[in-house]
């Protein structure tokens, strides 16, 4: 799957992955979703975004951690 809504430009936001050349980092979107914000709420806060932008940010995040080992502490 090709991600078309995620852009990386070293001259914008220091090369942080953003949504469609907007100054909205993917990490910001992922953080909002993690805090329980709905797509509707995120778009209300960031009216330049579209629902597909949020979906692609989630896909990008999933790909970024795919097949990596994360330091998760087991429950005791």
N, C-alpha and C. Protein backbone atom coordinates (compact mmCIF):
# COMPACT_ATOMS: atom_id res chain seq x y z
N UNK A 1 0.83 -1.18 0.00
CA UNK A 1 0.00 0.00 0.00
C UNK A 1 0.88 1.25 0.00
N UNK A 2 0.61 2.15 -0.90
CA UNK A 2 1.36 3.39 -0.99
C UNK A 2 0.65 4.47 -0.19
N UNK A 3 1.40 5.11 0.68
CA UNK A 3 0.84 6.21 1.48
C UNK A 3 1.04 7.51 0.71
N UNK A 4 -0.04 8.17 0.37
CA UNK A 4 0.04 9.37 -0.46
C UNK A 4 -0.22 10.66 0.31
N UNK A 5 -0.71 10.55 1.53
CA UNK A 5 -1.07 11.73 2.30
C UNK A 5 0.00 12.12 3.32
N UNK A 6 1.01 11.28 3.49
CA UNK A 6 2.09 11.56 4.42
C UNK A 6 3.25 12.15 3.65
N UNK A 7 3.72 13.31 4.10
CA UNK A 7 4.84 13.97 3.43
C UNK A 7 5.97 14.21 4.42
N UNK A 8 7.18 14.13 3.88
CA UNK A 8 8.37 14.40 4.68
C UNK A 8 9.22 15.39 3.89
N UNK A 9 9.40 16.56 4.48
CA UNK A 9 10.16 17.62 3.83
C UNK A 9 11.13 18.18 4.87
N UNK A 10 12.41 18.00 4.63
CA UNK A 10 13.44 18.42 5.58
C UNK A 10 13.36 19.92 5.89
N UNK A 11 12.81 20.70 4.97
CA UNK A 11 12.71 22.14 5.18
C UNK A 11 11.42 22.55 5.89
N UNK A 12 10.58 21.59 6.18
CA UNK A 12 9.33 21.86 6.89
C UNK A 12 9.28 20.99 8.14
N UNK A 13 9.17 21.59 9.28
CA UNK A 13 9.05 20.87 10.55
C UNK A 13 10.25 19.95 10.79
N UNK A 14 11.38 20.29 10.21
CA UNK A 14 12.60 19.52 10.43
C UNK A 14 12.55 18.11 9.86
N UNK A 15 11.68 17.87 8.90
CA UNK A 15 11.59 16.56 8.28
C UNK A 15 10.67 15.59 9.00
N UNK A 16 9.91 16.08 9.96
CA UNK A 16 8.95 15.24 10.69
C UNK A 16 7.83 14.86 9.72
N UNK A 17 7.39 13.59 9.71
CA UNK A 17 6.27 13.21 8.84
C UNK A 17 5.02 14.03 9.17
N UNK A 18 4.46 14.63 8.14
CA UNK A 18 3.27 15.48 8.30
C UNK A 18 2.17 15.01 7.35
N UNK A 19 1.01 15.59 7.52
CA UNK A 19 -0.13 15.30 6.65
C UNK A 19 -0.15 16.29 5.49
N UNK A 20 -0.09 15.79 4.29
CA UNK A 20 -0.24 16.56 3.04
C UNK A 20 0.47 17.92 3.02
N UNK A 21 1.70 17.95 3.44
CA UNK A 21 2.49 19.19 3.46
C UNK A 21 1.92 20.26 4.38
N UNK A 22 0.95 19.89 5.19
CA UNK A 22 0.46 20.80 6.22
C UNK A 22 1.42 20.73 7.39
N UNK A 23 1.40 21.67 8.24
CA UNK A 23 2.26 21.63 9.43
C UNK A 23 1.55 20.92 10.57
N UNK A 24 1.02 19.77 10.23
CA UNK A 24 0.34 18.92 11.20
C UNK A 24 1.07 17.58 11.21
N UNK A 25 1.90 17.35 12.22
CA UNK A 25 2.65 16.10 12.27
C UNK A 25 1.76 14.86 12.47
N UNK A 26 2.18 13.77 11.87
CA UNK A 26 1.49 12.50 12.05
C UNK A 26 1.42 12.17 13.53
N UNK A 27 2.49 12.43 14.26
CA UNK A 27 2.53 12.12 15.69
C UNK A 27 1.43 12.86 16.46
N UNK A 28 1.10 14.06 16.05
CA UNK A 28 0.03 14.81 16.70
C UNK A 28 -1.30 14.09 16.52
N UNK A 29 -1.55 13.64 15.30
CA UNK A 29 -2.80 12.93 15.01
C UNK A 29 -2.87 11.63 15.81
N UNK A 30 -1.78 10.87 15.81
CA UNK A 30 -1.75 9.61 16.53
C UNK A 30 -1.98 9.85 18.03
N UNK A 31 -1.38 10.89 18.56
CA UNK A 31 -1.56 11.24 19.97
C UNK A 31 -3.01 11.56 20.29
N UNK A 32 -3.67 12.27 19.41
CA UNK A 32 -5.08 12.62 19.64
C UNK A 32 -5.96 11.37 19.62
N UNK A 33 -5.69 10.48 18.67
CA UNK A 33 -6.45 9.24 18.61
C UNK A 33 -6.21 8.42 19.89
N UNK A 34 -4.96 8.38 20.32
CA UNK A 34 -4.62 7.62 21.54
C UNK A 34 -5.32 8.19 22.77
N UNK A 35 -5.58 9.48 22.77
CA UNK A 35 -6.27 10.11 23.89
C UNK A 35 -7.79 9.95 23.81
N UNK A 36 -8.26 9.28 22.76
CA UNK A 36 -9.68 9.00 22.65
C UNK A 36 -10.48 9.98 21.82
N UNK A 37 -9.79 10.91 21.14
CA UNK A 37 -10.52 11.86 20.29
C UNK A 37 -11.11 11.12 19.09
N UNK A 38 -12.30 11.51 18.70
CA UNK A 38 -12.93 10.93 17.51
C UNK A 38 -12.44 11.65 16.27
N UNK A 39 -12.67 11.04 15.12
CA UNK A 39 -12.30 11.68 13.85
C UNK A 39 -12.99 13.03 13.74
N UNK A 40 -14.25 13.07 14.11
CA UNK A 40 -15.03 14.32 14.05
C UNK A 40 -14.40 15.41 14.93
N UNK A 41 -13.97 15.03 16.14
CA UNK A 41 -13.35 16.00 17.06
C UNK A 41 -12.00 16.49 16.52
N UNK A 42 -11.23 15.58 15.95
CA UNK A 42 -9.92 15.96 15.41
C UNK A 42 -10.10 16.93 14.24
N UNK A 43 -11.05 16.64 13.38
CA UNK A 43 -11.31 17.52 12.23
C UNK A 43 -11.83 18.88 12.70
N UNK A 44 -12.60 18.89 13.77
CA UNK A 44 -13.07 20.17 14.32
C UNK A 44 -11.90 21.00 14.83
N UNK A 45 -10.90 20.33 15.43
CA UNK A 45 -9.71 21.03 15.93
C UNK A 45 -8.76 21.42 14.81
N UNK A 46 -8.73 20.62 13.75
CA UNK A 46 -7.83 20.84 12.61
C UNK A 46 -8.65 20.78 11.33
N UNK A 47 -9.36 21.86 10.98
CA UNK A 47 -10.30 21.83 9.85
C UNK A 47 -9.66 21.56 8.49
N UNK A 48 -8.34 21.68 8.38
CA UNK A 48 -7.69 21.37 7.10
C UNK A 48 -7.58 19.86 6.88
N UNK A 49 -7.80 19.08 7.92
CA UNK A 49 -7.70 17.63 7.80
C UNK A 49 -8.97 17.02 7.22
N UNK A 50 -8.78 15.82 6.66
CA UNK A 50 -9.90 15.02 6.16
C UNK A 50 -9.83 13.67 6.88
N UNK A 51 -10.93 12.97 6.91
CA UNK A 51 -10.97 11.67 7.58
C UNK A 51 -9.91 10.73 7.02
N UNK A 52 -9.69 10.76 5.72
CA UNK A 52 -8.67 9.90 5.11
C UNK A 52 -7.26 10.23 5.60
N UNK A 53 -7.02 11.48 5.98
CA UNK A 53 -5.72 11.85 6.54
C UNK A 53 -5.48 11.12 7.86
N UNK A 54 -6.50 11.06 8.68
CA UNK A 54 -6.38 10.41 9.98
C UNK A 54 -6.17 8.91 9.80
N UNK A 55 -6.92 8.32 8.89
CA UNK A 55 -6.77 6.89 8.61
C UNK A 55 -5.35 6.58 8.12
N UNK A 56 -4.83 7.41 7.24
CA UNK A 56 -3.49 7.17 6.73
C UNK A 56 -2.42 7.40 7.80
N UNK A 57 -2.65 8.34 8.69
CA UNK A 57 -1.71 8.54 9.80
C UNK A 57 -1.64 7.28 10.66
N UNK A 58 -2.77 6.65 10.90
CA UNK A 58 -2.80 5.41 11.66
C UNK A 58 -2.07 4.29 10.92
N UNK A 59 -2.27 4.19 9.62
CA UNK A 59 -1.56 3.19 8.82
C UNK A 59 -0.05 3.44 8.85
N UNK A 60 0.34 4.70 8.75
CA UNK A 60 1.76 5.05 8.79
C UNK A 60 2.37 4.63 10.13
N UNK A 61 1.67 4.91 11.21
CA UNK A 61 2.16 4.53 12.53
C UNK A 61 2.28 3.02 12.66
N UNK A 62 1.31 2.30 12.15
CA UNK A 62 1.35 0.84 12.21
C UNK A 62 2.55 0.30 11.44
N UNK A 63 2.80 0.86 10.27
CA UNK A 63 3.96 0.44 9.47
C UNK A 63 5.26 0.78 10.17
N UNK A 64 5.29 1.89 10.86
CA UNK A 64 6.52 2.35 11.52
C UNK A 64 6.96 1.41 12.62
N UNK A 65 6.03 0.74 13.26
CA UNK A 65 6.39 -0.17 14.36
C UNK A 65 6.32 -1.64 13.97
N UNK A 66 5.95 -1.89 12.76
CA UNK A 66 5.84 -3.26 12.28
C UNK A 66 7.19 -3.98 12.37
N UNK A 67 7.16 -5.17 12.89
CA UNK A 67 8.34 -6.03 12.97
C UNK A 67 9.49 -5.43 13.77
N UNK A 68 9.19 -4.60 14.72
CA UNK A 68 10.21 -4.07 15.62
C UNK A 68 9.91 -4.58 17.02
N UNK A 69 10.95 -4.77 17.77
CA UNK A 69 10.75 -5.16 19.17
C UNK A 69 10.70 -3.91 20.01
N UNK A 70 9.66 -3.82 20.80
CA UNK A 70 9.49 -2.66 21.68
C UNK A 70 9.74 -3.09 23.12
N UNK A 71 10.35 -2.22 23.90
CA UNK A 71 10.67 -2.57 25.28
C UNK A 71 9.44 -2.52 26.19
N UNK A 72 8.64 -3.56 26.14
CA UNK A 72 7.43 -3.62 26.95
C UNK A 72 7.74 -4.45 28.19
N UNK A 73 7.42 -3.90 29.34
CA UNK A 73 7.68 -4.59 30.60
C UNK A 73 6.52 -5.55 30.87
N UNK A 74 6.83 -6.84 31.08
CA UNK A 74 5.75 -7.80 31.35
C UNK A 74 5.09 -7.53 32.70
N UNK A 75 3.82 -7.86 32.80
CA UNK A 75 3.10 -7.71 34.06
C UNK A 75 3.61 -8.73 35.07
N UNK A 76 3.58 -8.34 36.33
CA UNK A 76 4.02 -9.25 37.39
C UNK A 76 2.87 -9.69 38.21
